[in-house]
């Protein structure tokens, strides 16, 4: 069983915001590396985002 997800700490500041078109740069897939593990963020044919490891 995985650990519960902690809510982000409320620092009074909004989180960083990125426009998807800036991340994807005209493509449909981006690679995100988090703590040495690779995650793929994809735009589906329905225009939604899906993150997979």
C-alpha atoms as a PDB file:
ATOM      1  CA  UNK A   1       0.000   0.000   0.000  1.00  0.00           C
ATOM      2  CA  UNK A   2       1.369   3.442  -0.865  1.00  0.00           C
ATOM      3  CA  UNK A   3       1.720   6.283   1.593  1.00  0.00           C
ATOM      4  CA  UNK A   4      -1.026   8.914   1.664  1.00  0.00           C
ATOM      5  CA  UNK A   5      -0.321  12.065  -0.301  1.00  0.00           C
ATOM      6  CA  UNK A   6       0.401  15.043   1.932  1.00  0.00           C
ATOM      7  CA  UNK A   7      -1.292  18.319   1.138  1.00  0.00           C
ATOM      8  CA  UNK A   8       1.199  21.017   0.136  1.00  0.00           C
ATOM      9  CA  UNK A   9       2.155  23.386   2.901  1.00  0.00           C
ATOM     10  CA  UNK A  10       0.307  26.677   2.735  1.00  0.00           C
ATOM     11  CA  UNK A  11       3.069  29.245   2.366  1.00  0.00           C
ATOM     12  CA  UNK A  12       0.726  32.041   1.397  1.00  0.00           C
ATOM     13  CA  UNK A  13       2.302  32.040  -2.063  1.00  0.00           C
ATOM     14  CA  UNK A  14       0.689  30.515  -5.149  1.00  0.00           C
ATOM     15  CA  UNK A  15       2.506  27.512  -6.615  1.00  0.00           C
ATOM     16  CA  UNK A  16       4.619  27.962  -9.755  1.00  0.00           C
ATOM     17  CA  UNK A  17       2.413  27.948 -12.855  1.00  0.00           C
ATOM     18  CA  UNK A  18       3.440  26.629 -16.259  1.00  0.00           C
ATOM     19  CA  UNK A  19       1.488  26.767 -19.506  1.00  0.00           C
ATOM     20  CA  UNK A  20       1.255  23.346 -21.119  1.00  0.00           C
ATOM     21  CA  UNK A  21       2.309  24.724 -24.498  1.00  0.00           C
ATOM     22  CA  UNK A  22       5.542  25.942 -22.864  1.00  0.00           C
ATOM     23  CA  UNK A  23       6.225  22.475 -21.439  1.00  0.00           C
ATOM     24  CA  UNK A  24       5.296  20.469 -24.529  1.00  0.00           C
ATOM     25  CA  UNK A  25       6.755  22.917 -27.100  1.00  0.00           C
ATOM     26  CA  UNK A  26       4.448  21.645 -29.843  1.00  0.00           C
ATOM     27  CA  UNK A  27       4.872  17.966 -28.950  1.00  0.00           C
ATOM     28  CA  UNK A  28       2.596  15.510 -27.178  1.00  0.00           C
ATOM     29  CA  UNK A  29       5.001  14.017 -24.589  1.00  0.00           C
ATOM     30  CA  UNK A  30       7.461  15.374 -22.015  1.00  0.00           C
ATOM     31  CA  UNK A  31       9.814  13.475 -19.731  1.00  0.00           C
ATOM     32  CA  UNK A  32       9.923  14.511 -16.066  1.00  0.00           C
ATOM     33  CA  UNK A  33      12.670  13.143 -13.816  1.00  0.00           C
ATOM     34  CA  UNK A  34      11.760  13.149 -10.123  1.00  0.00           C
ATOM     35  CA  UNK A  35      14.131  11.707  -7.525  1.00  0.00           C
ATOM     36  CA  UNK A  36      15.922   9.742 -10.242  1.00  0.00           C
ATOM     37  CA  UNK A  37      12.740   8.170 -11.616  1.00  0.00           C
ATOM     38  CA  UNK A  38      11.350   8.960 -15.077  1.00  0.00           C
ATOM     39  CA  UNK A  39       7.736   9.983 -15.592  1.00  0.00           C
ATOM     40  CA  UNK A  40       6.045  10.624 -18.929  1.00  0.00           C
ATOM     41  CA  UNK A  41       3.444  13.372 -19.180  1.00  0.00           C
ATOM     42  CA  UNK A  42       1.305  12.944 -22.299  1.00  0.00           C
ATOM     43  CA  UNK A  43      -1.490  14.815 -23.991  1.00  0.00           C
ATOM     44  CA  UNK A  44      -4.215  12.307 -24.886  1.00  0.00           C
ATOM     45  CA  UNK A  45      -6.262  12.361 -28.064  1.00  0.00           C
ATOM     46  CA  UNK A  46      -9.059  13.876 -25.945  1.00  0.00           C
ATOM     47  CA  UNK A  47      -6.735  16.745 -24.963  1.00  0.00           C
ATOM     48  CA  UNK A  48      -6.298  15.613 -21.353  1.00  0.00           C
ATOM     49  CA  UNK A  49      -3.055  15.014 -19.481  1.00  0.00           C
ATOM     50  CA  UNK A  50      -1.878  11.630 -18.215  1.00  0.00           C
ATOM     51  CA  UNK A  51       1.234  10.973 -16.122  1.00  0.00           C
ATOM     52  CA  UNK A  52       2.818   7.513 -16.173  1.00  0.00           C
ATOM     53  CA  UNK A  53       5.945   6.036 -14.615  1.00  0.00           C
END
